[in-house]
Structures are given as structure tokens and as C-alpha cells.
Amino acid sequence: MWWWLIPVVVLGLLVLLFGVLIVLGRYRGGVLLRPLVTWLSRWSFMRRAFTRMSTAAIERQNPELAGALRKINRVAANPNPQAMQKAMSSLTASERRAYLEAAQEQGAMGDSAANRQMRRQAERLQQGTKPPGGRSGGNRKRRK
């Protein structure tokens, strides 16, 4: 007689799980959901599912960006400058504009600097200011 409780308990747990995921996704813009998604992405089938969901959401919100990402992702396995230039040249004007806006929004352009000095130079270029003291040599010691 108790065997009918098994599907009820399983369905109840699934509803509870989805409820928790919805609450975590809504709270503070999904800050608490990101570590869970990262942990779940360790399994390949979950990573593929998250990638499909993300791609579908981008296609609904910004079709030009979705087209640009499809063309750019062909080169993603081997991101040498020539291949990236070739992929960028295959983009239409609207796709290029959408891709560059998304890259700037994500900070991909400015964060490519390798060390602190390069990051600070990039920040100064964005602000349009000169380095203090007029020197561009960094922290070199002066010889006597």
C-alpha cells in the first residue's frame, strides 16, 4: 500500500528543487546560483545543457550577437590573431557592432592586459590622462 508514495515523494522533491533554483536565481541577480551552476558544469551533459540554454536566451534577446558568436566560436578552439581577424571580417556590420558592445560590456577588451603596468596604462588611455611626473619608465632606480 505504501508504493504509491514513491512517485509522490519524487515529484515533491523535484518541485522543491525547482523552487529553490528559482529563488536562488531571483535573489540578488543570481549571485547564489552561480556557484551551483559552476559546480554542475563539471558534468559534460550539464555543461552542454547550460550552453544550449544560454545560446537560446542570447538568440531571443539579441539575434545579431548570436550570429556573431556562432561565427566567432568556430575559431575559439585556435584563437590566433589571424584566425580571429578572419572571423571578425566575416561578420556583418550589425554583428560586429553587437559583438564589440558585448565584449566591451564584459570587459574582455580592457582586461587583456597581462600585468599591472599594462592595465594602468590602459586605464590612463581610457581616462585620457598622462602618467604622473611625466615619466613613463615605471619604477626604475636612478643611477648616481
Protein backbone atom coordinates (compact mmCIF):
# COMPACT_ATOMS: atom_id res chain seq x y z
CA MET A 1 0.00 0.00 0.00
CA TRP A 2 2.91 2.41 0.54
CA TRP A 3 4.27 2.01 -3.03
CA TRP A 4 2.10 4.89 -4.32
CA LEU A 5 4.08 7.28 -2.08
CA ILE A 6 7.30 6.84 -4.11
CA PRO A 7 6.17 8.88 -7.18
CA VAL A 8 4.56 11.48 -4.92
CA VAL A 9 7.80 11.91 -2.95
CA VAL A 10 9.91 12.08 -6.14
CA LEU A 11 7.61 14.69 -7.70
CA GLY A 12 7.58 16.65 -4.44
CA LEU A 13 11.38 16.69 -4.32
CA LEU A 14 11.58 17.84 -7.96
CA VAL A 15 9.13 20.66 -7.30
CA LEU A 16 11.12 21.66 -4.21
CA LEU A 17 14.39 21.58 -6.19
CA PHE A 18 13.00 23.76 -8.97
CA GLY A 19 11.54 26.15 -6.38
CA VAL A 20 14.93 26.52 -4.70
CA LEU A 21 16.60 27.13 -8.09
CA ILE A 22 14.06 29.83 -8.96
CA VAL A 23 14.52 31.57 -5.60
CA LEU A 24 18.33 31.42 -5.90
CA GLY A 25 18.13 32.79 -9.44
CA ARG A 26 15.95 35.73 -8.40
CA TYR A 27 17.87 36.68 -5.26
CA ARG A 28 20.47 39.40 -5.97
CA GLY A 29 20.58 38.67 -9.67
CA GLY A 30 21.56 35.03 -9.28
CA VAL A 31 24.68 35.56 -7.16
CA LEU A 32 23.92 32.46 -5.10
CA LEU A 33 23.04 30.41 -8.17
CA ARG A 34 26.36 30.96 -9.98
CA PRO A 35 28.46 28.66 -7.75
CA LEU A 36 25.84 25.95 -8.10
CA VAL A 37 25.87 26.26 -11.90
CA THR A 38 29.68 26.19 -11.88
CA TRP A 39 29.63 23.03 -9.78
CA LEU A 40 27.02 21.39 -12.01
CA SER A 41 29.02 22.34 -15.13
CA ARG A 42 31.67 19.80 -14.20
CA TRP A 43 29.49 17.17 -15.83
CA SER A 44 29.54 17.38 -19.59
CA PHE A 45 25.80 16.85 -20.13
CA MET A 46 25.00 19.72 -17.73
CA ARG A 47 27.60 21.97 -19.40
CA ARG A 48 26.01 21.27 -22.80
CA ALA A 49 22.55 21.98 -21.37
CA PHE A 50 23.68 25.29 -19.86
CA THR A 51 25.38 26.24 -23.13
CA ARG A 52 22.21 25.47 -25.10
CA MET A 53 20.08 27.49 -22.67
CA SER A 54 22.48 30.42 -22.80
CA THR A 55 22.61 30.37 -26.60
CA ALA A 56 18.82 30.22 -26.82
CA ALA A 57 18.49 33.19 -24.46
CA ILE A 58 21.02 35.23 -26.48
CA GLU A 59 19.21 34.36 -29.72
CA ARG A 60 15.94 35.65 -28.26
CA GLN A 61 17.44 38.83 -26.80
CA ASN A 62 19.99 39.80 -29.47
CA PRO A 63 19.95 37.82 -32.74
CA GLU A 64 22.88 39.79 -34.20
CA LEU A 65 25.06 38.90 -31.23
CA ALA A 66 24.02 35.25 -31.52
CA GLY A 67 25.09 35.20 -35.18
CA ALA A 68 28.39 36.85 -34.32
CA LEU A 69 29.07 34.39 -31.50
CA ARG A 70 28.34 31.46 -33.80
CA LYS A 71 30.92 32.74 -36.30
CA ILE A 72 33.48 33.61 -33.61
CA ASN A 73 33.08 30.26 -31.79
CA ARG A 74 34.28 28.43 -34.90
CA VAL A 75 37.69 30.00 -34.23
CA ALA A 76 37.56 29.65 -30.43
CA ALA A 77 39.48 26.36 -30.43
CA ASN A 78 42.51 28.04 -32.00
CA PRO A 79 42.39 31.76 -31.15
CA ASN A 80 45.44 33.01 -33.04
CA PRO A 81 45.28 36.63 -34.25
CA GLN A 82 44.99 35.73 -37.95
CA ALA A 83 42.05 33.38 -37.36
CA MET A 84 40.30 35.94 -35.15
CA GLN A 85 40.84 38.63 -37.80
CA LYS A 86 39.38 36.34 -40.44
CA ALA A 87 36.37 35.58 -38.24
CA MET A 88 35.87 39.29 -37.48
CA SER A 89 35.99 40.12 -41.18
CA SER A 90 33.24 37.57 -41.86
CA LEU A 91 30.85 39.42 -39.52
CA THR A 92 28.28 41.82 -40.89
CA ALA A 93 28.31 45.41 -39.63
CA SER A 94 25.45 44.83 -37.18
CA GLU A 95 27.01 41.58 -35.92
CA ARG A 96 30.37 43.30 -35.44
CA ARG A 97 28.74 46.16 -33.56
CA ALA A 98 26.80 43.75 -31.32
CA TYR A 99 29.91 41.64 -30.66
CA LEU A 100 32.09 44.64 -29.79
CA GLU A 101 29.41 46.06 -27.48
CA ALA A 102 29.11 42.73 -25.69
CA ALA A 103 32.90 42.38 -25.43
CA GLN A 104 33.20 45.88 -24.01
CA GLU A 105 30.36 45.21 -21.57
CA GLN A 106 32.05 42.02 -20.38
CA GLY A 107 35.38 43.81 -20.02
CA ALA A 108 37.15 41.48 -22.43
CA MET A 109 38.92 44.31 -24.21
CA GLY A 110 40.35 46.15 -21.18
CA ASP A 111 41.25 43.10 -19.10
CA SER A 112 43.50 41.58 -21.72
CA ALA A 113 46.48 43.41 -20.26
CA ALA A 114 48.91 40.93 -18.76
CA ASN A 115 50.38 42.84 -15.87
CA ARG A 116 49.69 45.76 -13.58
CA GLN A 117 51.65 48.29 -15.60
CA MET A 118 49.80 47.45 -18.80
CA ARG A 119 46.43 47.61 -17.01
CA ARG A 120 47.25 51.04 -15.58
CA GLN A 121 48.36 52.31 -18.99
CA ALA A 122 45.08 51.08 -20.49
CA GLU A 123 43.15 52.83 -17.70
CA ARG A 124 45.05 56.08 -18.35
CA LEU A 125 44.31 55.82 -22.07
CA GLN A 126 40.61 55.38 -21.33
CA GLN A 127 40.66 58.35 -18.94
CA GLY A 128 42.79 60.46 -21.27
CA THR A 129 45.35 61.46 -18.63
CA LYS A 130 49.13 61.45 -18.59
CA PRO A 131 51.17 59.42 -16.11
CA PRO A 132 52.11 61.44 -13.01
CA GLY A 133 55.54 63.06 -13.05
CA GLY A 134 55.88 62.88 -16.80
CA ARG A 135 57.94 59.70 -16.69
CA SER A 136 56.92 56.57 -18.49
CA GLY A 137 59.76 54.40 -17.26
CA GLY A 138 57.97 52.80 -14.32
CA ASN A 139 59.79 52.04 -11.07
CA ARG A 140 63.39 52.19 -12.25
CA LYS A 141 66.10 53.13 -9.81
CA ARG A 142 68.12 56.20 -10.65
CA ARG A 143 71.85 55.84 -11.05
CA LYS A 144 74.12 58.20 -9.17
